Amino acid sequence: DDPRPLGGLLQGVYAFVGITEFWRAYRPVATGAAR
């Protein structure tokens, strides 16, 4: 919700690369609403 310092934004984008990779990998095995 808040503006972030550069160091905090680096931390965030690194975390969300991992998050996006998880959802990418989960899609083929998820079913129903989870997919």
PDB file of all heavy atoms in Angstrom:
ATOM      1  N   ASP A   1       0.822  -1.208   0.000  1.00  0.00           N
ATOM      2  CA  ASP A   1       0.000   0.000   0.000  1.00  0.00           C
ATOM      3  C   ASP A   1       0.860   1.264   0.000  1.00  0.00           C
ATOM      4  O   ASP A   1       0.396   2.326  -0.420  1.00  0.00           O
ATOM      5  CB  ASP A   1      -0.898   0.033   1.244  1.00  0.00           C
ATOM      6  CG  ASP A   1      -1.907  -1.116   1.273  1.00  0.00           C
ATOM      7  OD1 ASP A   1      -2.254  -1.629   0.196  1.00  0.00           O
ATOM      8  OD2 ASP A   1      -2.341  -1.481   2.383  1.00  0.00           O
ATOM      9  N   ASP A   2       2.079   1.161   0.504  1.00  0.00           N
ATOM     10  CA  ASP A   2       2.925   2.332   0.730  1.00  0.00           C
ATOM     11  C   ASP A   2       4.075   2.403  -0.274  1.00  0.00           C
ATOM     12  O   ASP A   2       4.503   1.388  -0.813  1.00  0.00           O
ATOM     13  CB  ASP A   2       3.496   2.294   2.152  1.00  0.00           C
ATOM     14  CG  ASP A   2       4.260   1.009   2.434  1.00  0.00           C
ATOM     15  OD1 ASP A   2       3.945  -0.035   1.821  1.00  0.00           O
ATOM     16  OD2 ASP A   2       5.183   1.022   3.262  1.00  0.00           O
ATOM     17  N   PRO A   3       4.601   3.604  -0.523  1.00  0.00           N
ATOM     18  CA  PRO A   3       5.817   3.716  -1.346  1.00  0.00           C
ATOM     19  C   PRO A   3       6.999   3.076  -0.617  1.00  0.00           C
ATOM     20  O   PRO A   3       7.098   3.147   0.615  1.00  0.00           O
ATOM     21  CB  PRO A   3       6.009   5.230  -1.486  1.00  0.00           C
ATOM     22  CG  PRO A   3       4.696   5.844  -1.131  1.00  0.00           C
ATOM     23  CD  PRO A   3       4.075   4.923  -0.126  1.00  0.00           C
ATOM     24  N   ARG A   4       7.902   2.475  -1.395  1.00  0.00           N
ATOM     25  CA  ARG A   4       8.973   1.698  -0.791  1.00  0.00           C
ATOM     26  C   ARG A   4      10.347   2.256  -1.153  1.00  0.00           C
ATOM     27  O   ARG A   4      10.546   2.822  -2.240  1.00  0.00           O
ATOM     28  CB  ARG A   4       8.911   0.247  -1.283  1.00  0.00           C
ATOM     29  CG  ARG A   4       7.637  -0.461  -0.908  1.00  0.00           C
ATOM     30  CD  ARG A   4       7.526  -0.619   0.601  1.00  0.00           C
ATOM     31  NE  ARG A   4       8.497  -1.582   1.093  1.00  0.00           N
ATOM     32  CZ  ARG A   4       8.938  -1.620   2.357  1.00  0.00           C
ATOM     33  NH1 ARG A   4       8.536  -0.742   3.230  1.00  0.00           N
ATOM     34  NH2 ARG A   4       9.799  -2.551   2.724  1.00  0.00           N
ATOM     35  N   PRO A   5      11.331   2.078  -0.270  1.00  0.00           N
ATOM     36  CA  PRO A   5      12.712   2.390  -0.644  1.00  0.00           C
ATOM     37  C   PRO A   5      13.202   1.404  -1.693  1.00  0.00           C
ATOM     38  O   PRO A   5      12.619   0.327  -1.879  1.00  0.00           O
ATOM     39  CB  PRO A   5      13.470   2.238   0.680  1.00  0.00           C
ATOM     40  CG  PRO A   5      12.649   1.272   1.472  1.00  0.00           C
ATOM     41  CD  PRO A   5      11.225   1.546   1.090  1.00  0.00           C
ATOM     42  N   LEU A   6      14.277   1.766  -2.372  1.00  0.00           N
ATOM     43  CA  LEU A   6      14.813   0.907  -3.424  1.00  0.00           C
ATOM     44  C   LEU A   6      15.168  -0.472  -2.889  1.00  0.00           C
ATOM     45  O   LEU A   6      14.853  -1.496  -3.520  1.00  0.00           O
ATOM     46  CB  LEU A   6      16.036   1.580  -4.047  1.00  0.00           C
ATOM     47  CG  LEU A   6      16.776   0.800  -5.134  1.00  0.00           C
ATOM     48  CD1 LEU A   6      15.852   0.433  -6.279  1.00  0.00           C
ATOM     49  CD2 LEU A   6      17.972   1.610  -5.637  1.00  0.00           C
ATOM     50  N   GLY A   7      15.819  -0.530  -1.724  1.00  0.00           N
ATOM     51  CA  GLY A   7      16.178  -1.830  -1.161  1.00  0.00           C
ATOM     52  C   GLY A   7      14.960  -2.686  -0.877  1.00  0.00           C
ATOM     53  O   GLY A   7      14.951  -3.904  -1.119  1.00  0.00           O
ATOM     54  N   GLY A   8      13.901  -2.074  -0.364  1.00  0.00           N
ATOM     55  CA  GLY A   8      12.676  -2.816  -0.098  1.00  0.00           C
ATOM     56  C   GLY A   8      12.008  -3.307  -1.374  1.00  0.00           C
ATOM     57  O   GLY A   8      11.453  -4.409  -1.422  1.00  0.00           O
ATOM     58  N   LEU A   9      12.069  -2.490  -2.436  1.00  0.00           N
ATOM     59  CA  LEU A   9      11.480  -2.911  -3.709  1.00  0.00           C
ATOM     60  C   LEU A   9      12.258  -4.075  -4.317  1.00  0.00           C
ATOM     61  O   LEU A   9      11.660  -4.995  -4.906  1.00  0.00           O
ATOM     62  CB  LEU A   9      11.446  -1.728  -4.675  1.00  0.00           C
ATOM     63  CG  LEU A   9      10.673  -1.936  -5.975  1.00  0.00           C
ATOM     64  CD1 LEU A   9       9.244  -2.355  -5.711  1.00  0.00           C
ATOM     65  CD2 LEU A   9      10.708  -0.667  -6.819  1.00  0.00           C
ATOM     66  N   LEU A  10      13.580  -4.069  -4.167  1.00  0.00           N
ATOM     67  CA  LEU A  10      14.375  -5.205  -4.625  1.00  0.00           C
ATOM     68  C   LEU A  10      13.973  -6.480  -3.888  1.00  0.00           C
ATOM     69  O   LEU A  10      13.826  -7.545  -4.495  1.00  0.00           O
ATOM     70  CB  LEU A  10      15.868  -4.927  -4.413  1.00  0.00           C
ATOM     71  CG  LEU A  10      16.564  -4.056  -5.459  1.00  0.00           C
ATOM     72  CD1 LEU A  10      17.919  -3.606  -4.948  1.00  0.00           C
ATOM     73  CD2 LEU A  10      16.709  -4.822  -6.770  1.00  0.00           C
ATOM     74  N   GLN A  11      13.806  -6.372  -2.573  1.00  0.00           N
ATOM     75  CA  GLN A  11      13.363  -7.532  -1.804  1.00  0.00           C
ATOM     76  C   GLN A  11      12.003  -8.015  -2.303  1.00  0.00           C
ATOM     77  O   GLN A  11      11.769  -9.209  -2.481  1.00  0.00           O
ATOM     78  CB  GLN A  11      13.283  -7.177  -0.315  1.00  0.00           C
ATOM     79  CG  GLN A  11      14.572  -7.309   0.447  1.00  0.00           C
ATOM     80  CD  GLN A  11      14.905  -8.754   0.791  1.00  0.00           C
ATOM     81  OE1 GLN A  11      14.169  -9.683   0.468  1.00  0.00           O
ATOM     82  NE2 GLN A  11      16.026  -8.949   1.470  1.00  0.00           N
ATOM     83  N   GLY A  12      11.095  -7.067  -2.527  1.00  0.00           N
ATOM     84  CA  GLY A  12       9.759  -7.446  -2.950  1.00  0.00           C
ATOM     85  C   GLY A  12       9.725  -8.123  -4.302  1.00  0.00           C
ATOM     86  O   GLY A  12       9.069  -9.146  -4.485  1.00  0.00           O
ATOM     87  N   VAL A  13      10.449  -7.566  -5.266  1.00  0.00           N
ATOM     88  CA  VAL A  13      10.397  -8.159  -6.599  1.00  0.00           C
ATOM     89  C   VAL A  13      11.058  -9.534  -6.596  1.00  0.00           C
ATOM     90  O   VAL A  13      10.622 -10.446  -7.317  1.00  0.00           O
ATOM     91  CB  VAL A  13      11.033  -7.219  -7.644  1.00  0.00           C
ATOM     92  CG1 VAL A  13      12.557  -7.289  -7.654  1.00  0.00           C
ATOM     93  CG2 VAL A  13      10.490  -7.521  -9.037  1.00  0.00           C
ATOM     94  N   TYR A  14      12.094  -9.711  -5.776  1.00  0.00           N
ATOM     95  CA  TYR A  14      12.720 -11.029  -5.700  1.00  0.00           C
ATOM     96  C   TYR A  14      11.734 -12.054  -5.144  1.00  0.00           C
ATOM     97  O   TYR A  14      11.646 -13.181  -5.647  1.00  0.00           O
ATOM     98  CB  TYR A  14      13.976 -10.966  -4.829  1.00  0.00           C
ATOM     99  CG  TYR A  14      14.871 -12.172  -5.003  1.00  0.00           C
ATOM    100  CD1 TYR A  14      15.709 -12.267  -6.111  1.00  0.00           C
ATOM    101  CD2 TYR A  14      14.866 -13.209  -4.087  1.00  0.00           C
ATOM    102  CE1 TYR A  14      16.522 -13.376  -6.302  1.00  0.00           C
ATOM    103  CE2 TYR A  14      15.682 -14.323  -4.260  1.00  0.00           C
ATOM    104  CZ  TYR A  14      16.504 -14.401  -5.377  1.00  0.00           C
ATOM    105  OH  TYR A  14      17.293 -15.511  -5.554  1.00  0.00           O
ATOM    106  N   ALA A  15      10.987 -11.650  -4.124  1.00  0.00           N
ATOM    107  CA  ALA A  15       9.994 -12.558  -3.550  1.00  0.00           C
ATOM    108  C   ALA A  15       8.906 -12.888  -4.564  1.00  0.00           C
ATOM    109  O   ALA A  15       8.484 -14.052  -4.695  1.00  0.00           O
ATOM    110  CB  ALA A  15       9.385 -11.944  -2.292  1.00  0.00           C
ATOM    111  N   PHE A  16       8.460 -11.884  -5.305  1.00  0.00           N
ATOM    112  CA  PHE A  16       7.328 -12.126  -6.199  1.00  0.00           C
ATOM    113  C   PHE A  16       7.723 -12.836  -7.487  1.00  0.00           C
ATOM    114  O   PHE A  16       6.862 -13.408  -8.162  1.00  0.00           O
ATOM    115  CB  PHE A  16       6.577 -10.822  -6.459  1.00  0.00           C
ATOM    116  CG  PHE A  16       5.523 -10.579  -5.413  1.00  0.00           C
ATOM    117  CD1 PHE A  16       5.871 -10.037  -4.184  1.00  0.00           C
ATOM    118  CD2 PHE A  16       4.207 -10.942  -5.628  1.00  0.00           C
ATOM    119  CE1 PHE A  16       4.916  -9.851  -3.200  1.00  0.00           C
ATOM    120  CE2 PHE A  16       3.247 -10.763  -4.656  1.00  0.00           C
ATOM    121  CZ  PHE A  16       3.593 -10.213  -3.428  1.00  0.00           C
ATOM    122  N   VAL A  17       8.992 -12.863  -7.824  1.00  0.00           N
ATOM    123  CA  VAL A  17       9.429 -13.783  -8.883  1.00  0.00           C
ATOM    124  C   VAL A  17       9.162 -15.219  -8.444  1.00  0.00           C
ATOM    125  O   VAL A  17       8.631 -16.043  -9.205  1.00  0.00           O
ATOM    126  CB  VAL A  17      10.917 -13.575  -9.218  1.00  0.00           C
ATOM    127  CG1 VAL A  17      11.455 -14.731 -10.052  1.00  0.00           C
ATOM    128  CG2 VAL A  17      11.119 -12.264  -9.975  1.00  0.00           C
ATOM    129  N   GLY A  18       9.507 -15.537  -7.198  1.00  0.00           N
ATOM    130  CA  GLY A  18       9.235 -16.874  -6.685  1.00  0.00           C
ATOM    131  C   GLY A  18       7.753 -17.171  -6.617  1.00  0.00           C
ATOM    132  O   GLY A  18       7.301 -18.282  -6.954  1.00  0.00           O
ATOM    133  N   ILE A  19       6.958 -16.201  -6.176  1.00  0.00           N
ATOM    134  CA  ILE A  19       5.513 -16.386  -6.099  1.00  0.00           C
ATOM    135  C   ILE A  19       4.919 -16.654  -7.476  1.00  0.00           C
ATOM    136  O   ILE A  19       4.097 -17.569  -7.656  1.00  0.00           O
ATOM    137  CB  ILE A  19       4.870 -15.141  -5.456  1.00  0.00           C
ATOM    138  CG1 ILE A  19       5.195 -15.088  -3.957  1.00  0.00           C
ATOM    139  CG2 ILE A  19       3.357 -15.111  -5.678  1.00  0.00           C
ATOM    140  CD1 ILE A  19       4.827 -13.786  -3.291  1.00  0.00           C
ATOM    141  N   THR A  20       5.337 -15.879  -8.459  1.00  0.00           N
ATOM    142  CA  THR A  20       4.809 -16.062  -9.814  1.00  0.00           C
ATOM    143  C   THR A  20       5.211 -17.423 -10.372  1.00  0.00           C
ATOM    144  O   THR A  20       4.413 -18.099 -11.037  1.00  0.00           O
ATOM    145  CB  THR A  20       5.315 -14.939 -10.737  1.00  0.00           C
ATOM    146  OG1 THR A  20       5.080 -13.678 -10.109  1.00  0.00           O
ATOM    147  CG2 THR A  20       4.610 -14.966 -12.075  1.00  0.00           C
ATOM    148  N   GLU A  21       6.436 -17.836 -10.091  1.00  0.00           N
ATOM    149  CA  GLU A  21       6.878 -19.167 -10.528  1.00  0.00           C
ATOM    150  C   GLU A  21       6.037 -20.269  -9.903  1.00  0.00           C
ATOM    151  O   GLU A  21       5.723 -21.275 -10.551  1.00  0.00           O
ATOM    152  CB  GLU A  21       8.346 -19.358 -10.165  1.00  0.00           C
ATOM    153  CG  GLU A  21       9.318 -18.598 -11.056  1.00  0.00           C
ATOM    154  CD  GLU A  21       9.567 -19.342 -12.353  1.00  0.00           C
ATOM    155  OE1 GLU A  21      10.335 -20.309 -12.368  1.00  0.00           O
ATOM    156  OE2 GLU A  21       8.964 -18.947 -13.376  1.00  0.00           O
ATOM    157  N   PHE A  22       5.652 -20.092  -8.633  1.00  0.00           N
ATOM    158  CA  PHE A  22       4.793 -21.101  -8.001  1.00  0.00           C
ATOM    159  C   PHE A  22       3.452 -21.191  -8.714  1.00  0.00           C
ATOM    160  O   PHE A  22       2.985 -22.286  -9.053  1.00  0.00           O
ATOM    161  CB  PHE A  22       4.572 -20.785  -6.519  1.00  0.00           C
ATOM    162  CG  PHE A  22       3.509 -21.669  -5.908  1.00  0.00           C
ATOM    163  CD1 PHE A  22       3.812 -22.963  -5.525  1.00  0.00           C
ATOM    164  CD2 PHE A  22       2.202 -21.214  -5.754  1.00  0.00           C
ATOM    165  CE1 PHE A  22       2.829 -23.796  -4.985  1.00  0.00           C
ATOM    166  CE2 PHE A  22       1.217 -22.032  -5.214  1.00  0.00           C
ATOM    167  CZ  PHE A  22       1.537 -23.324  -4.828  1.00  0.00           C
ATOM    168  N   TRP A  23       2.802 -20.039  -8.925  1.00  0.00           N
ATOM    169  CA  TRP A  23       1.486 -20.098  -9.571  1.00  0.00           C
ATOM    170  C   TRP A  23       1.606 -20.645 -10.985  1.00  0.00           C
ATOM    171  O   TRP A  23       0.711 -21.368 -11.460  1.00  0.00           O
ATOM    172  CB  TRP A  23       0.853 -18.720  -9.577  1.00  0.00           C
ATOM    173  CG  TRP A  23       0.453 -18.227  -8.212  1.00  0.00           C
ATOM    174  CD1 TRP A  23       0.927 -17.121  -7.567  1.00  0.00           C
ATOM    175  CD2 TRP A  23      -0.489 -18.843  -7.326  1.00  0.00           C
ATOM    176  NE1 TRP A  23       0.341 -17.016  -6.330  1.00  0.00           N
ATOM    177  CE2 TRP A  23      -0.534 -18.047  -6.149  1.00  0.00           C
ATOM    178  CE3 TRP A  23      -1.298 -19.972  -7.396  1.00  0.00           C
ATOM    179  CZ2 TRP A  23      -1.361 -18.362  -5.071  1.00  0.00           C
ATOM    180  CZ3 TRP A  23      -2.117 -20.287  -6.318  1.00  0.00           C
ATOM    181  CH2 TRP A  23      -2.149 -19.492  -5.176  1.00  0.00           C
ATOM    182  N   ARG A  24       2.690 -20.343 -11.656  1.00  0.00           N
ATOM    183  CA  ARG A  24       2.902 -20.898 -12.990  1.00  0.00           C
ATOM    184  C   ARG A  24       2.957 -22.427 -12.939  1.00  0.00           C
ATOM    185  O   ARG A  24       2.329 -23.105 -13.759  1.00  0.00           O
ATOM    186  CB  ARG A  24       4.205 -20.342 -13.553  1.00  0.00           C
ATOM    187  CG  ARG A  24       4.582 -20.872 -14.927  1.00  0.00           C
ATOM    188  CD  ARG A  24       6.050 -20.578 -15.236  1.00  0.00           C
ATOM    189  NE  ARG A  24       6.355 -20.576 -16.641  1.00  0.00           N
ATOM    190  CZ  ARG A  24       7.558 -20.432 -17.145  1.00  0.00           C
ATOM    191  NH1 ARG A  24       8.586 -20.253 -16.321  1.00  0.00           N
ATOM    192  NH2 ARG A  24       7.772 -20.438 -18.441  1.00  0.00           N
ATOM    193  N   ALA A  25       3.706 -22.949 -11.985  1.00  0.00           N
ATOM    194  CA  ALA A  25       3.874 -24.402 -11.889  1.00  0.00           C
ATOM    195  C   ALA A  25       2.637 -25.091 -11.336  1.00  0.00           C
ATOM    196  O   ALA A  25       2.383 -26.270 -11.648  1.00  0.00           O
ATOM    197  CB  ALA A  25       5.084 -24.713 -10.998  1.00  0.00           C
ATOM    198  N   TYR A  26       1.870 -24.403 -10.522  1.00  0.00           N
ATOM    199  CA  TYR A  26       0.699 -25.009  -9.883  1.00  0.00           C
ATOM    200  C   TYR A  26      -0.475 -25.141 -10.849  1.00  0.00           C
ATOM    201  O   TYR A  26      -1.314 -26.036 -10.709  1.00  0.00           O
ATOM    202  CB  TYR A  26       0.307 -24.160  -8.671  1.00  0.00           C
ATOM    203  CG  TYR A  26      -0.881 -24.663  -7.885  1.00  0.00           C
ATOM    204  CD1 TYR A  26      -0.990 -26.007  -7.509  1.00  0.00           C
ATOM    205  CD2 TYR A  26      -1.899 -23.800  -7.505  1.00  0.00           C
ATOM    206  CE1 TYR A  26      -2.069 -26.464  -6.770  1.00  0.00           C
ATOM    207  CE2 TYR A  26      -2.988 -24.248  -6.767  1.00  0.00           C
ATOM    208  CZ  TYR A  26      -3.077 -25.583  -6.402  1.00  0.00           C
ATOM    209  OH  TYR A  26      -4.154 -26.031  -5.679  1.00  0.00           O
ATOM    210  N   ARG A  27      -0.545 -24.279 -11.858  1.00  0.00           N
ATOM    211  CA  ARG A  27      -1.710 -24.258 -12.736  1.00  0.00           C
ATOM    212  C   ARG A  27      -2.028 -25.614 -13.368  1.00  0.00           C
ATOM    213  O   ARG A  27      -3.192 -26.028 -13.394  1.00  0.00           O
ATOM    214  CB  ARG A  27      -1.533 -23.197 -13.827  1.00  0.00           C
ATOM    215  CG  ARG A  27      -1.524 -21.780 -13.301  1.00  0.00           C
ATOM    216  CD  ARG A  27      -1.510 -20.758 -14.423  1.00  0.00           C
ATOM    217  NE  ARG A  27      -0.431 -20.956 -15.361  1.00  0.00           N
ATOM    218  CZ  ARG A  27      -0.446 -20.569 -16.628  1.00  0.00           C
ATOM    219  NH1 ARG A  27      -1.520 -19.964 -17.114  1.00  0.00           N
ATOM    220  NH2 ARG A  27       0.593 -20.771 -17.407  1.00  0.00           N
ATOM    221  N   PRO A  28      -1.044 -26.348 -13.894  1.00  0.00           N
ATOM    222  CA  PRO A  28      -1.386 -27.606 -14.570  1.00  0.00           C
ATOM    223  C   PRO A  28      -1.956 -28.681 -13.646  1.00  0.00           C
ATOM    224  O   PRO A  28      -2.674 -29.569 -14.122  1.00  0.00           O
ATOM    225  CB  PRO A  28      -0.042 -28.059 -15.165  1.00  0.00           C
ATOM    226  CG  PRO A  28       0.798 -26.835 -15.215  1.00  0.00           C
ATOM    227  CD  PRO A  28       0.386 -26.021 -14.047  1.00  0.00           C
ATOM    228  N   VAL A  29      -1.637 -28.630 -12.351  1.00  0.00           N
ATOM    229  CA  VAL A  29      -2.107 -29.688 -11.454  1.00  0.00           C
ATOM    230  C   VAL A  29      -3.308 -29.256 -10.634  1.00  0.00           C
ATOM    231  O   VAL A  29      -3.990 -30.093 -10.039  1.00  0.00           O
ATOM    232  CB  VAL A  29      -0.985 -30.156 -10.504  1.00  0.00           C
ATOM    233  CG1 VAL A  29       0.212 -30.630 -11.302  1.00  0.00           C
ATOM    234  CG2 VAL A  29      -0.586 -29.064  -9.531  1.00  0.00           C
ATOM    235  N   ALA A  30      -3.588 -27.952 -10.583  1.00  0.00           N
ATOM    236  CA  ALA A  30      -4.738 -27.473  -9.822  1.00  0.00           C
ATOM    237  C   ALA A  30      -6.032 -27.842 -10.546  1.00  0.00           C
ATOM    238  O   ALA A  30      -6.070 -27.982 -11.774  1.00  0.00           O
ATOM    239  CB  ALA A  30      -4.652 -25.964  -9.635  1.00  0.00           C
ATOM    240  N   THR A  31      -7.100 -27.994  -9.791  1.00  0.00           N
ATOM    241  CA  THR A  31      -8.401 -28.341 -10.369  1.00  0.00           C
ATOM    242  C   THR A  31      -9.465 -27.383  -9.860  1.00  0.00           C
ATOM    243  O   THR A  31      -9.322 -26.768  -8.799  1.00  0.00           O
ATOM    244  CB  THR A  31      -8.800 -29.786 -10.001  1.00  0.00           C
ATOM    245  OG1 THR A  31      -8.847 -29.905  -8.569  1.00  0.00           O
ATOM    246  CG2 THR A  31      -7.811 -30.793 -10.555  1.00  0.00           C
ATOM    247  N   GLY A  32     -10.560 -27.276 -10.618  1.00  0.00           N
ATOM    248  CA  GLY A  32     -11.701 -26.492 -10.186  1.00  0.00           C
ATOM    249  C   GLY A  32     -11.357 -25.040  -9.927  1.00  0.00           C
ATOM    250  O   GLY A  32     -10.626 -24.392 -10.684  1.00  0.00           O
ATOM    251  N   ALA A  33     -11.882 -24.533  -8.806  1.00  0.00           N
ATOM    252  CA  ALA A  33     -11.666 -23.130  -8.456  1.00  0.00           C
ATOM    253  C   ALA A  33     -10.193 -22.832  -8.216  1.00  0.00           C
ATOM    254  O   ALA A  33      -9.714 -21.729  -8.502  1.00  0.00           O
ATOM    255  CB  ALA A  33     -12.487 -22.777  -7.218  1.00  0.00           C
ATOM    256  N   ALA A  34      -9.454 -23.831  -7.715  1.00  0.00           N
ATOM    257  CA  ALA A  34      -8.028 -23.613  -7.442  1.00  0.00           C
ATOM    258  C   ALA A  34      -7.265 -23.292  -8.727  1.00  0.00           C
ATOM    259  O   ALA A  34      -6.339 -22.478  -8.727  1.00  0.00           O
ATOM    260  CB  ALA A  34      -7.420 -24.829  -6.759  1.00  0.00           C
ATOM    261  N   ARG A  35      -7.671 -23.912  -9.831  1.00  0.00           N
ATOM    262  CA  ARG A  35      -6.989 -23.624 -11.090  1.00  0.00           C
ATOM    263  C   ARG A  35      -7.289 -22.198 -11.552  1.00  0.00           C
ATOM    264  O   ARG A  35      -6.393 -21.497 -12.041  1.00  0.00           O
ATOM    265  CB  ARG A  35      -7.418 -24.617 -12.165  1.00  0.00           C
ATOM    266  CG  ARG A  35      -6.837 -24.294 -13.532  1.00  0.00           C
ATOM    267  CD  ARG A  35      -7.097 -25.370 -14.547  1.00  0.00           C
ATOM    268  NE  ARG A  35      -6.261 -26.534 -14.286  1.00  0.00           N
ATOM    269  CZ  ARG A  35      -6.211 -27.609 -15.081  1.00  0.00           C
ATOM    270  NH1 ARG A  35      -6.948 -27.659 -16.171  1.00  0.00           N
ATOM    271  NH2 ARG A  35      -5.436 -28.624 -14.773  1.00  0.00           N
TER     272      ARG A  35
END
